[in-house]
C-alpha cells in the first residue's frame, strides 16, 4: 500500500479543518440566536460533517489534477521521443 502523497494529503486536511471550523461557527451562532446559549453537540456534528465534505472534495480535485499532470507529462515525453 502506498503512503499518501503529502501534496494531496496536507491541503486536504487543511481544507477540512477550515471547513470544520466554519461549520462549527455557523452552527454555534445559529444556536445562540435561537436559544440564547451555545449548543455543543449539534455544532460538533455540523463541524465533523463540514470537515469530511471539505476534505473529500479537495482530495478529489487534487487527485484529478495530479493525474492530469502526469498524463500530460507522459504525453509530452512520448512526443519528444518521436
N, C-alpha and C. Protein backbone atom coordinates (compact mmCIF):
# COMPACT_ATOMS: atom_id res chain seq x y z
N UNK A 1 0.84 -1.18 0.00
CA UNK A 1 0.00 0.00 0.00
C UNK A 1 0.88 1.24 0.00
N UNK A 2 0.52 2.18 -0.85
CA UNK A 2 1.30 3.41 -0.95
C UNK A 2 0.95 4.36 0.19
N UNK A 3 1.96 5.14 0.59
CA UNK A 3 1.68 6.18 1.57
C UNK A 3 1.05 7.38 0.85
N UNK A 4 0.23 8.16 1.56
CA UNK A 4 -0.43 9.29 0.90
C UNK A 4 0.59 10.33 0.42
N UNK A 5 0.29 10.91 -0.72
CA UNK A 5 1.12 11.97 -1.27
C UNK A 5 0.93 13.22 -0.41
N UNK A 6 1.99 13.78 0.17
CA UNK A 6 1.81 14.95 1.04
C UNK A 6 1.28 16.17 0.29
N UNK A 7 1.50 16.22 -1.02
CA UNK A 7 0.98 17.35 -1.81
C UNK A 7 -0.54 17.25 -1.98
N UNK A 8 -1.10 16.10 -1.66
CA UNK A 8 -2.55 15.93 -1.69
C UNK A 8 -3.10 15.89 -0.27
N UNK A 9 -2.44 15.18 0.63
CA UNK A 9 -2.96 14.98 1.98
C UNK A 9 -2.96 16.26 2.80
N UNK A 10 -1.89 17.03 2.75
CA UNK A 10 -1.80 18.24 3.58
C UNK A 10 -2.85 19.29 3.18
N UNK A 11 -2.98 19.65 1.90
CA UNK A 11 -4.03 20.63 1.57
C UNK A 11 -5.43 20.11 1.86
N UNK A 12 -5.65 18.81 1.71
CA UNK A 12 -6.98 18.26 2.01
C UNK A 12 -7.28 18.37 3.50
N UNK A 13 -6.30 18.09 4.33
CA UNK A 13 -6.51 18.22 5.78
C UNK A 13 -6.70 19.67 6.18
N UNK A 14 -5.95 20.56 5.59
CA UNK A 14 -6.10 21.99 5.90
C UNK A 14 -7.49 22.48 5.49
N UNK A 15 -7.92 22.08 4.30
CA UNK A 15 -9.26 22.47 3.84
C UNK A 15 -10.33 21.86 4.74
N UNK A 16 -10.11 20.64 5.19
CA UNK A 16 -11.05 20.01 6.11
C UNK A 16 -11.15 20.74 7.44
N UNK A 17 -10.01 21.14 7.97
CA UNK A 17 -10.01 21.88 9.24
C UNK A 17 -10.71 23.22 9.07
N UNK A 18 -10.43 23.91 7.99
CA UNK A 18 -11.09 25.20 7.75
C UNK A 18 -12.59 25.01 7.57
N UNK A 19 -12.98 24.00 6.79
CA UNK A 19 -14.40 23.71 6.60
C UNK A 19 -15.08 23.33 7.90
N UNK A 20 -14.42 22.53 8.71
CA UNK A 20 -14.97 22.16 10.01
C UNK A 20 -15.13 23.36 10.93
N UNK A 21 -14.15 24.24 10.93
CA UNK A 21 -14.23 25.44 11.76
C UNK A 21 -15.39 26.33 11.32
N UNK A 22 -15.52 26.53 10.03
CA UNK A 22 -16.61 27.36 9.51
C UNK A 22 -17.97 26.73 9.85
N UNK A 23 -18.08 25.41 9.67
CA UNK A 23 -19.32 24.72 10.02
C UNK A 23 -19.66 24.85 11.48
N UNK A 24 -18.65 24.72 12.35
CA UNK A 24 -18.86 24.85 13.78
C UNK A 24 -19.33 26.26 14.14
N UNK A 25 -18.68 27.27 13.57
CA UNK A 25 -19.04 28.66 13.87
C UNK A 25 -20.48 28.95 13.42
N UNK A 26 -20.83 28.52 12.22
CA UNK A 26 -22.18 28.77 11.72
C UNK A 26 -23.22 28.08 12.60
N UNK A 27 -22.98 26.82 12.95
CA UNK A 27 -23.94 26.10 13.80
C UNK A 27 -24.01 26.71 15.19
N UNK A 28 -22.90 27.10 15.75
CA UNK A 28 -22.88 27.69 17.09
C UNK A 28 -23.60 29.04 17.11
N UNK A 29 -23.36 29.85 16.12
CA UNK A 29 -24.03 31.16 16.06
C UNK A 29 -25.53 30.99 15.86
N UNK A 30 -25.94 30.04 15.02
CA UNK A 30 -27.38 29.85 14.82
C UNK A 30 -28.04 29.31 16.08
N UNK A 31 -27.36 28.48 16.85
CA UNK A 31 -27.93 28.00 18.12
C UNK A 31 -28.04 29.13 19.13
N UNK A 32 -27.05 30.00 19.18
CA UNK A 32 -27.11 31.14 20.11
C UNK A 32 -28.24 32.08 19.74
N UNK A 33 -28.48 32.25 18.45
CA UNK A 33 -29.54 33.16 18.02
C UNK A 33 -30.91 32.61 18.40
N UNK A 34 -31.08 31.28 18.34
CA UNK A 34 -32.37 30.69 18.63
C UNK A 34 -32.59 30.50 20.13
N UNK A 35 -31.65 29.90 20.82
CA UNK A 35 -31.85 29.53 22.22
C UNK A 35 -31.20 30.49 23.20
N UNK A 36 -30.33 31.34 22.73
CA UNK A 36 -29.63 32.25 23.63
C UNK A 36 -28.39 31.65 24.23
N UNK A 37 -28.17 30.35 24.04
CA UNK A 37 -26.96 29.69 24.53
C UNK A 37 -26.37 28.87 23.40
N UNK A 38 -25.11 28.52 23.51
CA UNK A 38 -24.48 27.67 22.50
C UNK A 38 -24.93 26.23 22.66
N UNK A 39 -24.89 25.49 21.63
CA UNK A 39 -25.22 24.06 21.71
C UNK A 39 -24.04 23.29 21.14
N UNK A 40 -23.34 22.61 22.02
CA UNK A 40 -22.07 21.98 21.66
C UNK A 40 -22.25 20.78 20.72
N UNK A 41 -23.17 19.89 21.03
CA UNK A 41 -23.30 18.66 20.23
C UNK A 41 -23.69 18.94 18.78
N UNK A 42 -24.73 19.73 18.53
CA UNK A 42 -25.05 20.00 17.11
C UNK A 42 -23.93 20.73 16.38
N UNK A 43 -23.24 21.63 17.07
CA UNK A 43 -22.13 22.34 16.43
C UNK A 43 -20.99 21.38 16.07
N UNK A 44 -20.71 20.43 16.96
CA UNK A 44 -19.66 19.45 16.67
C UNK A 44 -20.09 18.51 15.54
N UNK A 45 -21.37 18.17 15.50
CA UNK A 45 -21.87 17.32 14.43
C UNK A 45 -21.74 18.02 13.07
N UNK A 46 -22.12 19.28 13.01
CA UNK A 46 -22.00 20.05 11.76
C UNK A 46 -20.53 20.24 11.40
N UNK A 47 -19.68 20.47 12.40
CA UNK A 47 -18.25 20.64 12.15
C UNK A 47 -17.64 19.36 11.57
N UNK A 48 -18.02 18.22 12.11
CA UNK A 48 -17.50 16.95 11.60
C UNK A 48 -17.94 16.71 10.16
N UNK A 49 -19.21 16.96 9.89
CA UNK A 49 -19.71 16.80 8.53
C UNK A 49 -19.02 17.77 7.57
N UNK A 50 -18.85 19.02 7.99
CA UNK A 50 -18.18 20.01 7.15
C UNK A 50 -16.74 19.63 6.89
N UNK A 51 -16.06 19.09 7.90
CA UNK A 51 -14.68 18.63 7.74
C UNK A 51 -14.61 17.55 6.67
N UNK A 52 -15.50 16.56 6.76
CA UNK A 52 -15.48 15.46 5.79
C UNK A 52 -15.77 15.94 4.38
N UNK A 53 -16.77 16.79 4.23
CA UNK A 53 -17.14 17.27 2.89
C UNK A 53 -15.99 18.07 2.28
N UNK A 54 -15.41 18.97 3.05
CA UNK A 54 -14.32 19.79 2.52
C UNK A 54 -13.09 18.94 2.20
N UNK A 55 -12.73 18.04 3.09
CA UNK A 55 -11.54 17.21 2.88
C UNK A 55 -11.71 16.29 1.67
N UNK A 56 -12.86 15.66 1.56
CA UNK A 56 -13.09 14.75 0.43
C UNK A 56 -13.16 15.54 -0.88
N UNK A 57 -13.81 16.68 -0.87
CA UNK A 57 -13.91 17.49 -2.08
C UNK A 57 -12.56 17.96 -2.59
N UNK A 58 -11.74 18.45 -1.69
CA UNK A 58 -10.41 18.92 -2.09
C UNK A 58 -9.55 17.74 -2.52
N UNK A 59 -9.68 16.61 -1.86
CA UNK A 59 -8.91 15.43 -2.24
C UNK A 59 -9.26 14.98 -3.66
N UNK A 60 -10.53 14.95 -3.99
CA UNK A 60 -10.95 14.54 -5.33
C UNK A 60 -10.37 15.47 -6.38
N UNK A 61 -10.47 16.77 -6.14
CA UNK A 61 -9.95 17.74 -7.11
C UNK A 61 -8.44 17.60 -7.26
N UNK A 62 -7.71 17.46 -6.15
CA UNK A 62 -6.26 17.35 -6.23
C UNK A 62 -5.82 16.06 -6.91
N UNK A 63 -6.50 14.96 -6.65
CA UNK A 63 -6.15 13.70 -7.32
C UNK A 63 -6.36 13.83 -8.83
N UNK A 64 -7.47 14.43 -9.23
CA UNK A 64 -7.71 14.62 -10.65
C UNK A 64 -6.67 15.53 -11.29
N UNK A 65 -6.26 16.58 -10.59
CA UNK A 65 -5.24 17.48 -11.12
C UNK A 65 -3.91 16.76 -11.28
N UNK A 66 -3.50 15.99 -10.26
CA UNK A 66 -2.23 15.30 -10.35
C UNK A 66 -2.24 14.21 -11.42
N UNK A 67 -3.36 13.52 -11.59
CA UNK A 67 -3.44 12.53 -12.66
C UNK A 67 -3.37 13.21 -14.02
N UNK A 68 -4.02 14.34 -14.15
CA UNK A 68 -3.99 15.08 -15.40
C UNK A 68 -2.58 15.55 -15.72
N UNK A 69 -1.88 16.06 -14.71
CA UNK A 69 -0.50 16.49 -14.93
C UNK A 69 0.41 15.32 -15.31
N UNK A 70 0.21 14.18 -14.68
CA UNK A 70 1.02 13.00 -15.01
C UNK A 70 0.75 12.55 -16.44
N UNK A 71 -0.50 12.58 -16.84
CA UNK A 71 -0.84 12.21 -18.22
C UNK A 71 -0.25 13.19 -19.22
N UNK A 72 -0.30 14.47 -18.88
CA UNK A 72 0.28 15.49 -19.76
C UNK A 72 1.79 15.29 -19.90
N UNK A 73 2.46 15.05 -18.79
CA UNK A 73 3.91 14.85 -18.84
C UNK A 73 4.28 13.61 -19.64
N UNK A 74 3.50 12.54 -19.47
CA UNK A 74 3.75 11.32 -20.22
C UNK A 74 3.54 11.56 -21.71
N UNK A 75 2.51 12.28 -22.05
CA UNK A 75 2.23 12.60 -23.45
C UNK A 75 3.33 13.46 -24.03
N UNK A 76 3.77 14.44 -23.28
CA UNK A 76 4.83 15.35 -23.74
C UNK A 76 6.13 14.58 -23.93
N UNK A 77 6.45 13.67 -23.00
CA UNK A 77 7.69 12.89 -23.12
C UNK A 77 7.64 11.96 -24.32
N UNK A 78 6.48 11.37 -24.59
CA UNK A 78 6.39 10.46 -25.75
C UNK A 78 6.48 11.27 -27.05
N UNK A 79 5.96 12.50 -27.06
CA UNK A 79 6.08 13.34 -28.26
C UNK A 79 7.52 13.77 -28.49
N UNK A 80 8.28 13.97 -27.43
CA UNK A 80 9.67 14.38 -27.57
C UNK A 80 10.52 13.26 -28.14
N UNK A 81 10.17 12.01 -27.86
CA UNK A 81 10.95 10.87 -28.35
C UNK A 81 10.73 10.66 -29.85
N UNK A 82 9.60 11.04 -30.35
CA UNK A 82 9.30 10.81 -31.78
C UNK A 82 10.01 11.76 -32.68
